[in-house]
PDB file of N, CA and C in Angstrom:
ATOM      1  N   MET A   1      43.157 -38.874 -19.669  1.00  0.00           N
ATOM      2  CA  MET A   1      42.157 -37.809 -19.567  1.00  0.00           C
ATOM      3  C   MET A   1      42.395 -36.782 -20.664  1.00  0.00           C
ATOM      4  N   ALA A   2      41.353 -36.106 -21.042  1.00  0.00           N
ATOM      5  CA  ALA A   2      41.437 -35.120 -22.115  1.00  0.00           C
ATOM      6  C   ALA A   2      42.289 -33.929 -21.689  1.00  0.00           C
ATOM      7  N   GLU A   3      42.847 -33.269 -22.693  1.00  0.00           N
ATOM      8  CA  GLU A   3      43.646 -32.063 -22.461  1.00  0.00           C
ATOM      9  C   GLU A   3      42.757 -30.981 -21.853  1.00  0.00           C
ATOM     10  N   GLN A   4      43.364 -30.107 -21.036  1.00  0.00           N
ATOM     11  CA  GLN A   4      42.628 -29.016 -20.407  1.00  0.00           C
ATOM     12  C   GLN A   4      43.296 -27.689 -20.717  1.00  0.00           C
ATOM     13  N   LEU A   5      42.525 -26.620 -20.529  1.00  0.00           N
ATOM     14  CA  LEU A   5      43.015 -25.266 -20.744  1.00  0.00           C
ATOM     15  C   LEU A   5      43.583 -24.699 -19.448  1.00  0.00           C
ATOM     16  N   ASN A   6      44.638 -23.938 -19.542  1.00  0.00           N
ATOM     17  CA  ASN A   6      45.112 -23.105 -18.436  1.00  0.00           C
ATOM     18  C   ASN A   6      44.398 -21.775 -18.588  1.00  0.00           C
ATOM     19  N   VAL A   7      43.626 -21.373 -17.582  1.00  0.00           N
ATOM     20  CA  VAL A   7      42.795 -20.177 -17.697  1.00  0.00           C
ATOM     21  C   VAL A   7      43.153 -19.189 -16.600  1.00  0.00           C
ATOM     22  N   GLN A   8      43.232 -17.917 -16.974  1.00  0.00           N
ATOM     23  CA  GLN A   8      43.396 -16.829 -16.013  1.00  0.00           C
ATOM     24  C   GLN A   8      42.346 -15.770 -16.315  1.00  0.00           C
ATOM     25  N   LEU A   9      41.597 -15.374 -15.289  1.00  0.00           N
ATOM     26  CA  LEU A   9      40.641 -14.278 -15.392  1.00  0.00           C
ATOM     27  C   LEU A   9      41.185 -13.170 -14.502  1.00  0.00           C
ATOM     28  N   VAL A  10      41.549 -12.047 -15.136  1.00  0.00           N
ATOM     29  CA  VAL A  10      42.220 -10.961 -14.430  1.00  0.00           C
ATOM     30  C   VAL A  10      41.441  -9.669 -14.622  1.00  0.00           C
ATOM     31  N   ALA A  11      41.166  -8.970 -13.508  1.00  0.00           N
ATOM     32  CA  ALA A  11      40.563  -7.640 -13.575  1.00  0.00           C
ATOM     33  C   ALA A  11      41.697  -6.629 -13.422  1.00  0.00           C
ATOM     34  N   VAL A  12      41.376  -5.377 -13.528  1.00  0.00           N
ATOM     35  CA  VAL A  12      42.395  -4.325 -13.536  1.00  0.00           C
ATOM     36  C   VAL A  12      43.359  -4.435 -12.346  1.00  0.00           C
ATOM     37  N   GLU A  13      42.836  -4.675 -11.160  1.00  0.00           N
ATOM     38  CA  GLU A  13      43.702  -4.631  -9.989  1.00  0.00           C
ATOM     39  C   GLU A  13      43.876  -5.968  -9.282  1.00  0.00           C
ATOM     40  N   GLU A  14      43.352  -7.077  -9.836  1.00  0.00           N
ATOM     41  CA  GLU A  14      43.479  -8.345  -9.137  1.00  0.00           C
ATOM     42  C   GLU A  14      43.285  -9.538 -10.070  1.00  0.00           C
ATOM     43  N   LYS A  15      43.880 -10.656  -9.690  1.00  0.00           N
ATOM     44  CA  LYS A  15      43.613 -11.917 -10.375  1.00  0.00           C
ATOM     45  C   LYS A  15      42.324 -12.456  -9.768  1.00  0.00           C
ATOM     46  N   VAL A  16      41.301 -12.647 -10.581  1.00  0.00           N
ATOM     47  CA  VAL A  16      39.991 -13.068 -10.097  1.00  0.00           C
ATOM     48  C   VAL A  16      39.926 -14.583  -9.969  1.00  0.00           C
ATOM     49  N   TRP A  17      40.413 -15.305 -10.975  1.00  0.00           N
ATOM     50  CA  TRP A  17      40.381 -16.767 -10.940  1.00  0.00           C
ATOM     51  C   TRP A  17      41.477 -17.301 -11.851  1.00  0.00           C
ATOM     52  N   SER A  18      42.040 -18.429 -11.440  1.00  0.00           N
ATOM     53  CA  SER A  18      43.065 -19.080 -12.229  1.00  0.00           C
ATOM     54  C   SER A  18      42.963 -20.573 -12.000  1.00  0.00           C
ATOM     55  N   GLY A  19      43.082 -21.365 -13.074  1.00  0.00           N
ATOM     56  CA  GLY A  19      43.037 -22.806 -12.902  1.00  0.00           C
ATOM     57  C   GLY A  19      42.861 -23.529 -14.219  1.00  0.00           C
ATOM     58  N   LYS A  20      42.557 -24.815 -14.125  1.00  0.00           N
ATOM     59  CA  LYS A  20      42.341 -25.670 -15.294  1.00  0.00           C
ATOM     60  C   LYS A  20      40.858 -25.687 -15.634  1.00  0.00           C
ATOM     61  N   ALA A  21      40.571 -25.745 -16.936  1.00  0.00           N
ATOM     62  CA  ALA A  21      39.177 -25.789 -17.391  1.00  0.00           C
ATOM     63  C   ALA A  21      39.071 -26.638 -18.646  1.00  0.00           C
ATOM     64  N   ASP A  22      37.867 -27.158 -18.866  1.00  0.00           N
ATOM     65  CA  ASP A  22      37.587 -27.914 -20.084  1.00  0.00           C
ATOM     66  C   ASP A  22      37.204 -26.992 -21.236  1.00  0.00           C
ATOM     67  N   MET A  23      36.578 -25.844 -20.897  1.00  0.00           N
ATOM     68  CA  MET A  23      36.083 -24.930 -21.930  1.00  0.00           C
ATOM     69  C   MET A  23      35.885 -23.547 -21.325  1.00  0.00           C
ATOM     70  N   VAL A  24      36.083 -22.516 -22.154  1.00  0.00           N
ATOM     71  CA  VAL A  24      35.791 -21.136 -21.765  1.00  0.00           C
ATOM     72  C   VAL A  24      34.852 -20.562 -22.813  1.00  0.00           C
ATOM     73  N   MET A  25      33.766 -19.932 -22.358  1.00  0.00           N
ATOM     74  CA  MET A  25      32.804 -19.308 -23.257  1.00  0.00           C
ATOM     75  C   MET A  25      32.694 -17.828 -22.922  1.00  0.00           C
ATOM     76  N   ALA A  26      32.662 -16.996 -23.956  1.00  0.00           N
ATOM     77  CA  ALA A  26      32.569 -15.553 -23.745  1.00  0.00           C
ATOM     78  C   ALA A  26      31.894 -14.920 -24.952  1.00  0.00           C
ATOM     79  N   ARG A  27      31.250 -13.782 -24.709  1.00  0.00           N
ATOM     80  CA  ARG A  27      30.665 -13.022 -25.809  1.00  0.00           C
ATOM     81  C   ARG A  27      31.635 -11.919 -26.184  1.00  0.00           C
ATOM     82  N   THR A  28      32.055 -11.928 -27.449  1.00  0.00           N
ATOM     83  CA  THR A  28      32.948 -10.886 -27.949  1.00  0.00           C
ATOM     84  C   THR A  28      32.161  -9.978 -28.882  1.00  0.00           C
ATOM     85  N   THR A  29      32.804  -8.930 -29.339  1.00  0.00           N
ATOM     86  CA  THR A  29      32.143  -8.024 -30.287  1.00  0.00           C
ATOM     87  C   THR A  29      31.862  -8.724 -31.615  1.00  0.00           C
ATOM     88  N   GLU A  30      32.508  -9.860 -31.855  1.00  0.00           N
ATOM     89  CA  GLU A  30      32.285 -10.637 -33.080  1.00  0.00           C
ATOM     90  C   GLU A  30      31.261 -11.746 -32.887  1.00  0.00           C
ATOM     91  N   GLY A  31      30.793 -11.952 -31.643  1.00  0.00           N
ATOM     92  CA  GLY A  31      29.802 -12.986 -31.357  1.00  0.00           C
ATOM     93  C   GLY A  31      30.249 -13.895 -30.224  1.00  0.00           C
ATOM     94  N   GLU A  32      29.397 -14.888 -29.928  1.00  0.00           N
ATOM     95  CA  GLU A  32      29.675 -15.853 -28.857  1.00  0.00           C
ATOM     96  C   GLU A  32      30.849 -16.745 -29.259  1.00  0.00           C
ATOM     97  N   LEU A  33      31.739 -16.992 -28.319  1.00  0.00           N
ATOM     98  CA  LEU A  33      32.948 -17.752 -28.599  1.00  0.00           C
ATOM     99  C   LEU A  33      33.105 -18.850 -27.564  1.00  0.00           C
ATOM    100  N   GLY A  34      33.389 -20.059 -28.024  1.00  0.00           N
ATOM    101  CA  GLY A  34      33.706 -21.175 -27.145  1.00  0.00           C
ATOM    102  C   GLY A  34      35.131 -21.618 -27.425  1.00  0.00           C
ATOM    103  N   VAL A  35      35.945 -21.730 -26.390  1.00  0.00           N
ATOM    104  CA  VAL A  35      37.346 -22.105 -26.556  1.00  0.00           C
ATOM    105  C   VAL A  35      37.575 -23.468 -25.904  1.00  0.00           C
ATOM    106  N   LEU A  36      38.054 -24.402 -26.697  1.00  0.00           N
ATOM    107  CA  LEU A  36      38.415 -25.741 -26.240  1.00  0.00           C
ATOM    108  C   LEU A  36      39.924 -25.909 -26.367  1.00  0.00           C
ATOM    109  N   PRO A  37      40.502 -26.908 -25.694  1.00  0.00           N
ATOM    110  CA  PRO A  37      41.934 -27.156 -25.880  1.00  0.00           C
ATOM    111  C   PRO A  37      42.267 -27.327 -27.358  1.00  0.00           C
ATOM    112  N   GLY A  38      43.390 -26.755 -27.797  1.00  0.00           N
ATOM    113  CA  GLY A  38      43.796 -26.832 -29.195  1.00  0.00           C
ATOM    114  C   GLY A  38      43.245 -25.715 -30.069  1.00  0.00           C
ATOM    115  N   HIS A  39      42.499 -24.773 -29.477  1.00  0.00           N
ATOM    116  CA  HIS A  39      41.930 -23.652 -30.239  1.00  0.00           C
ATOM    117  C   HIS A  39      43.062 -22.827 -30.849  1.00  0.00           C
ATOM    118  N   ALA A  40      42.830 -22.309 -32.037  1.00  0.00           N
ATOM    119  CA  ALA A  40      43.823 -21.456 -32.696  1.00  0.00           C
ATOM    120  C   ALA A  40      44.045 -20.180 -31.888  1.00  0.00           C
ATOM    121  N   PRO A  41      45.268 -19.659 -31.883  1.00  0.00           N
ATOM    122  CA  PRO A  41      45.529 -18.396 -31.189  1.00  0.00           C
ATOM    123  C   PRO A  41      44.651 -17.273 -31.742  1.00  0.00           C
ATOM    124  N   MET A  42      44.181 -16.408 -30.850  1.00  0.00           N
ATOM    125  CA  MET A  42      43.333 -15.288 -31.264  1.00  0.00           C
ATOM    126  C   MET A  42      43.265 -14.258 -30.154  1.00  0.00           C
ATOM    127  N   LEU A  43      42.773 -13.082 -30.516  1.00  0.00           N
ATOM    128  CA  LEU A  43      42.523 -12.009 -29.567  1.00  0.00           C
ATOM    129  C   LEU A  43      41.147 -11.456 -29.890  1.00  0.00           C
ATOM    130  N   GLY A  44      40.269 -11.383 -28.890  1.00  0.00           N
ATOM    131  CA  GLY A  44      38.924 -10.863 -29.101  1.00  0.00           C
ATOM    132  C   GLY A  44      38.582  -9.814 -28.061  1.00  0.00           C
ATOM    133  N   GLN A  45      37.812  -8.812 -28.481  1.00  0.00           N
ATOM    134  CA  GLN A  45      37.346  -7.777 -27.554  1.00  0.00           C
ATOM    135  C   GLN A  45      36.041  -8.249 -26.928  1.00  0.00           C
ATOM    136  N   LEU A  46      35.951  -8.195 -25.592  1.00  0.00           N
ATOM    137  CA  LEU A  46      34.740  -8.622 -24.901  1.00  0.00           C
ATOM    138  C   LEU A  46      33.605  -7.645 -25.166  1.00  0.00           C
ATOM    139  N   ALA A  47      32.412  -8.192 -25.398  1.00  0.00           N
ATOM    140  CA  ALA A  47      31.227  -7.363 -25.583  1.00  0.00           C
ATOM    141  C   ALA A  47      30.776  -6.838 -24.223  1.00  0.00           C
ATOM    142  N   GLU A  48      30.134  -5.676 -24.220  1.00  0.00           N
ATOM    143  CA  GLU A  48      29.645  -5.085 -22.974  1.00  0.00           C
ATOM    144  C   GLU A  48      28.144  -4.921 -23.020  1.00  0.00           C
ATOM    145  N   PRO A  49      27.418  -5.245 -21.959  1.00  0.00           N
ATOM    146  CA  PRO A  49      27.909  -6.042 -20.839  1.00  0.00           C
ATOM    147  C   PRO A  49      28.067  -7.487 -21.299  1.00  0.00           C
ATOM    148  N   GLY A  50      28.857  -8.230 -20.592  1.00  0.00           N
ATOM    149  CA  GLY A  50      29.089  -9.605 -21.012  1.00  0.00           C
ATOM    150  C   GLY A  50      29.329 -10.534 -19.848  1.00  0.00           C
ATOM    151  N   GLN A  51      29.456 -11.800 -20.187  1.00  0.00           N
ATOM    152  CA  GLN A  51      29.760 -12.820 -19.200  1.00  0.00           C
ATOM    153  C   GLN A  51      30.856 -13.720 -19.734  1.00  0.00           C
ATOM    154  N   VAL A  52      31.637 -14.250 -18.831  1.00  0.00           N
ATOM    155  CA  VAL A  52      32.616 -15.278 -19.141  1.00  0.00           C
ATOM    156  C   VAL A  52      32.207 -16.504 -18.333  1.00  0.00           C
ATOM    157  N   ARG A  53      32.065 -17.634 -19.024  1.00  0.00           N
ATOM    158  CA  ARG A  53      31.697 -18.874 -18.364  1.00  0.00           C
ATOM    159  C   ARG A  53      32.858 -19.858 -18.493  1.00  0.00           C
ATOM    160  N   ILE A  54      33.243 -20.434 -17.379  1.00  0.00           N
ATOM    161  CA  ILE A  54      34.371 -21.357 -17.337  1.00  0.00           C
ATOM    162  C   ILE A  54      33.846 -22.718 -16.906  1.00  0.00           C
ATOM    163  N   LYS A  55      33.933 -23.711 -17.814  1.00  0.00           N
ATOM    164  CA  LYS A  55      33.476 -25.061 -17.500  1.00  0.00           C
ATOM    165  C   LYS A  55      34.649 -25.839 -16.917  1.00  0.00           C
ATOM    166  N   LEU A  56      34.503 -26.229 -15.663  1.00  0.00           N
ATOM    167  CA  LEU A  56      35.560 -26.918 -14.949  1.00  0.00           C
ATOM    168  C   LEU A  56      35.499 -28.423 -15.196  1.00  0.00           C
ATOM    169  N   PRO A  57      36.619 -29.116 -15.013  1.00  0.00           N
ATOM    170  CA  PRO A  57      36.587 -30.574 -15.072  1.00  0.00           C
ATOM    171  C   PRO A  57      35.581 -31.088 -14.041  1.00  0.00           C
ATOM    172  N   GLY A  58      34.759 -32.043 -14.441  1.00  0.00           N
ATOM    173  CA  GLY A  58      33.739 -32.549 -13.529  1.00  0.00           C
ATOM    174  C   GLY A  58      32.384 -31.917 -13.766  1.00  0.00           C
ATOM    175  N   GLY A  59      32.305 -30.885 -14.625  1.00  0.00           N
ATOM    176  CA  GLY A  59      31.017 -30.331 -15.012  1.00  0.00           C
ATOM    177  C   GLY A  59      30.595 -29.041 -14.346  1.00  0.00           C
ATOM    178  N   GLU A  60      31.223 -28.642 -13.229  1.00  0.00           N
ATOM    179  CA  GLU A  60      30.845 -27.384 -12.584  1.00  0.00           C
ATOM    180  C   GLU A  60      31.173 -26.222 -13.517  1.00  0.00           C
ATOM    181  N   GLN A  61      30.365 -25.158 -13.428  1.00  0.00           N
ATOM    182  CA  GLN A  61      30.603 -23.985 -14.264  1.00  0.00           C
ATOM    183  C   GLN A  61      30.687 -22.734 -13.398  1.00  0.00           C
ATOM    184  N   LEU A  62      31.704 -21.907 -13.643  1.00  0.00           N
ATOM    185  CA  LEU A  62      31.838 -20.608 -12.988  1.00  0.00           C
ATOM    186  C   LEU A  62      31.405 -19.543 -13.984  1.00  0.00           C
ATOM    187  N   THR A  63      30.635 -18.565 -13.514  1.00  0.00           N
ATOM    188  CA  THR A  63      30.164 -17.494 -14.386  1.00  0.00           C
ATOM    189  C   THR A  63      30.517 -16.150 -13.763  1.00  0.00           C
ATOM    190  N   TYR A  64      31.113 -15.295 -14.583  1.00  0.00           N
ATOM    191  CA  TYR A  64      31.503 -13.960 -14.128  1.00  0.00           C
ATOM    192  C   TYR A  64      30.900 -12.917 -15.063  1.00  0.00           C
ATOM    193  N   ASP A  65      30.354 -11.852 -14.468  1.00  0.00           N
ATOM    194  CA  ASP A  65      29.924 -10.696 -15.242  1.00  0.00           C
ATOM    195  C   ASP A  65      31.171  -9.855 -15.472  1.00  0.00           C
ATOM    196  N   VAL A  66      31.402  -9.478 -16.730  1.00  0.00           N
ATOM    197  CA  VAL A  66      32.596  -8.696 -17.051  1.00  0.00           C
ATOM    198  C   VAL A  66      32.211  -7.427 -17.791  1.00  0.00           C
ATOM    199  N   ALA A  67      33.036  -6.412 -17.632  1.00  0.00           N
ATOM    200  CA  ALA A  67      32.854  -5.152 -18.345  1.00  0.00           C
ATOM    201  C   ALA A  67      34.190  -4.774 -18.960  1.00  0.00           C
ATOM    202  N   GLY A  68      34.181  -4.563 -20.256  1.00  0.00           N
ATOM    203  CA  GLY A  68      35.383  -4.137 -20.954  1.00  0.00           C
ATOM    204  C   GLY A  68      36.484  -5.171 -20.927  1.00  0.00           C
ATOM    205  N   GLY A  69      37.354  -5.114 -21.894  1.00  0.00           N
ATOM    206  CA  GLY A  69      38.526  -5.954 -21.884  1.00  0.00           C
ATOM    207  C   GLY A  69      38.649  -6.871 -23.083  1.00  0.00           C
ATOM    208  N   PHE A  70      39.534  -7.847 -22.944  1.00  0.00           N
ATOM    209  CA  PHE A  70      39.892  -8.723 -24.054  1.00  0.00           C
ATOM    210  C   PHE A  70      40.006 -10.165 -23.599  1.00  0.00           C
ATOM    211  N   LEU A  71      39.881 -11.069 -24.548  1.00  0.00           N
ATOM    212  CA  LEU A  71      40.118 -12.492 -24.341  1.00  0.00           C
ATOM    213  C   LEU A  71      41.239 -12.888 -25.283  1.00  0.00           C
ATOM    214  N   SER A  72      42.273 -13.494 -24.740  1.00  0.00           N
ATOM    215  CA  SER A  72      43.422 -13.904 -25.531  1.00  0.00           C
ATOM    216  C   SER A  72      43.569 -15.421 -25.446  1.00  0.00           C
ATOM    217  N   VAL A  73      43.715 -16.055 -26.604  1.00  0.00           N
ATOM    218  CA  VAL A  73      43.952 -17.498 -26.666  1.00  0.00           C
ATOM    219  C   VAL A  73      45.334 -17.705 -27.277  1.00  0.00           C
ATOM    220  N   SER A  74      46.178 -18.461 -26.564  1.00  0.00           N
ATOM    221  CA  SER A  74      47.510 -18.773 -27.082  1.00  0.00           C
ATOM    222  C   SER A  74      47.781 -20.247 -26.823  1.00  0.00           C
ATOM    223  N   ASP A  75      48.953 -20.697 -27.236  1.00  0.00           N
ATOM    224  CA  ASP A  75      49.301 -22.092 -26.981  1.00  0.00           C
ATOM    225  C   ASP A  75      49.514 -22.348 -25.492  1.00  0.00           C
ATOM    226  N   ARG A  76      49.600 -21.297 -24.687  1.00  0.00           N
ATOM    227  CA  ARG A  76      49.776 -21.438 -23.236  1.00  0.00           C
ATOM    228  C   ARG A  76      48.452 -21.470 -22.491  1.00  0.00           C
ATOM    229  N   GLY A  77      47.346 -21.095 -23.160  1.00  0.00           N
ATOM    230  CA  GLY A  77      46.042 -21.120 -22.507  1.00  0.00           C
ATOM    231  C   GLY A  77      45.196 -19.915 -22.858  1.00  0.00           C
ATOM    232  N   VAL A  78      44.234 -19.619 -21.995  1.00  0.00           N
ATOM    233  CA  VAL A  78      43.282 -18.531 -22.202  1.00  0.00           C
ATOM    234  C   VAL A  78      43.455 -17.506 -21.092  1.00  0.00           C
ATOM    235  N   THR A  79      43.574 -16.244 -21.483  1.00  0.00           N
ATOM    236  CA  THR A  79      43.639 -15.159 -20.519  1.00  0.00           C
ATOM    237  C   THR A  79      42.515 -14.179 -20.828  1.00  0.00           C
ATOM    238  N   VAL A  80      41.729 -13.861 -19.804  1.00  0.00           N
ATOM    239  CA  VAL A  80      40.678 -12.852 -19.931  1.00  0.00           C
ATOM    240  C   VAL A  80      41.141 -11.654 -19.122  1.00  0.00           C
ATOM    241  N   LEU A  81      41.326 -10.529 -19.801  1.00  0.00           N
ATOM    242  CA  LEU A  81      41.722  -9.275 -19.158  1.00  0.00           C
ATOM    243  C   LEU A  81      40.519  -8.344 -19.188  1.00  0.00           C
ATOM    244  N   ALA A  82      39.872  -8.157 -18.043  1.00  0.00           N
ATOM    245  CA  ALA A  82      38.651  -7.354 -17.980  1.00  0.00           C
ATOM    246  C   ALA A  82      38.870  -6.129 -17.101  1.00  0.00           C
ATOM    247  N   GLU A  83      38.130  -5.067 -17.400  1.00  0.00           N
ATOM    248  CA  GLU A  83      38.174  -3.895 -16.533  1.00  0.00           C
ATOM    249  C   GLU A  83      37.564  -4.238 -15.181  1.00  0.00           C
ATOM    250  N   ASN A  84      36.447  -4.960 -15.204  1.00  0.00           N
ATOM    251  CA  ASN A  84      35.774  -5.417 -13.991  1.00  0.00           C
ATOM    252  C   ASN A  84      35.312  -6.842 -14.206  1.00  0.00           C
ATOM    253  N   ALA A  85      35.390  -7.663 -13.171  1.00  0.00           N
ATOM    254  CA  ALA A  85      34.897  -9.037 -13.230  1.00  0.00           C
ATOM    255  C   ALA A  85      34.372  -9.411 -11.853  1.00  0.00           C
ATOM    256  N   THR A  86      33.084  -9.760 -11.779  1.00  0.00           N
ATOM    257  CA  THR A  86      32.478 -10.153 -10.524  1.00  0.00           C
ATOM    258  C   THR A  86      31.680 -11.432 -10.734  1.00  0.00           C
ATOM    259  N   PRO A  87      31.621 -12.299  -9.710  1.00  0.00           N
ATOM    260  CA  PRO A  87      30.817 -13.514  -9.851  1.00  0.00           C
ATOM    261  C   PRO A  87      29.370 -13.160 -10.188  1.00  0.00           C
ATOM    262  N   ALA A  88      28.815 -13.867 -11.154  1.00  0.00           N
ATOM    263  CA  ALA A  88      27.433 -13.604 -11.575  1.00  0.00           C
ATOM    264  C   ALA A  88      26.462 -14.180 -10.562  1.00  0.00           C
ATOM    265  N   THR A  89      25.346 -13.506 -10.412  1.00  0.00           N
ATOM    266  CA  THR A  89      24.277 -14.043  -9.572  1.00  0.00           C
ATOM    267  C   THR A  89      23.323 -14.815 -10.474  1.00  0.00           C
ATOM    268  N   ALA A  90      22.523 -15.679  -9.896  1.00  0.00           N
ATOM    269  CA  ALA A  90      21.589 -16.510 -10.675  1.00  0.00           C
ATOM    270  C   ALA A  90      20.642 -15.643 -11.498  1.00  0.00           C
ATOM    271  N   ALA A  91      20.269 -14.481 -10.993  1.00  0.00           N
ATOM    272  CA  ALA A  91      19.335 -13.601 -11.700  1.00  0.00           C
ATOM    273  C   ALA A  91      19.941 -12.989 -12.944  1.00  0.00           C
ATOM    274  N   SER A  92      21.285 -12.886 -13.013  1.00  0.00           N
ATOM    275  CA  SER A  92      21.904 -12.226 -14.151  1.00  0.00           C
ATOM    276  C   SER A  92      22.210 -13.203 -15.286  1.00  0.00           C
ATOM    277  N   GLY A  93      22.060 -14.509 -15.053  1.00  0.00           N
ATOM    278  CA  GLY A  93      22.349 -15.493 -16.110  1.00  0.00           C
ATOM    279  C   GLY A  93      21.268 -15.512 -17.155  1.00  0.00           C
ATOM    280  N   ASN A  94      21.613 -15.902 -18.384  1.00  0.00           N
ATOM    281  CA  ASN A  94      20.627 -15.971 -19.470  1.00  0.00           C
ATOM    282  C   ASN A  94      20.194 -17.381 -19.652  1.00  0.00           C
TER     283      ASN A  94
END
């Protein structure tokens, strides 16, 4: 099976979601970013308002509305540190 990302989505006072994913997509101040396994290390500032989309193995996708924070990619995985992160409703998706 293909390599997967270790992903953590953390808000100021709680861990919102943690697990394995095939891809993480987020809008940063530099533009839309897609992270796949093997992505080069980087640090990006999340755009406001924004969303983080996590594509799970098997095709399901989790979407969170986020405000403020950063996305960090390292050889250990992807960490999203947001001021606020809440599950997105269908009406808020683009």
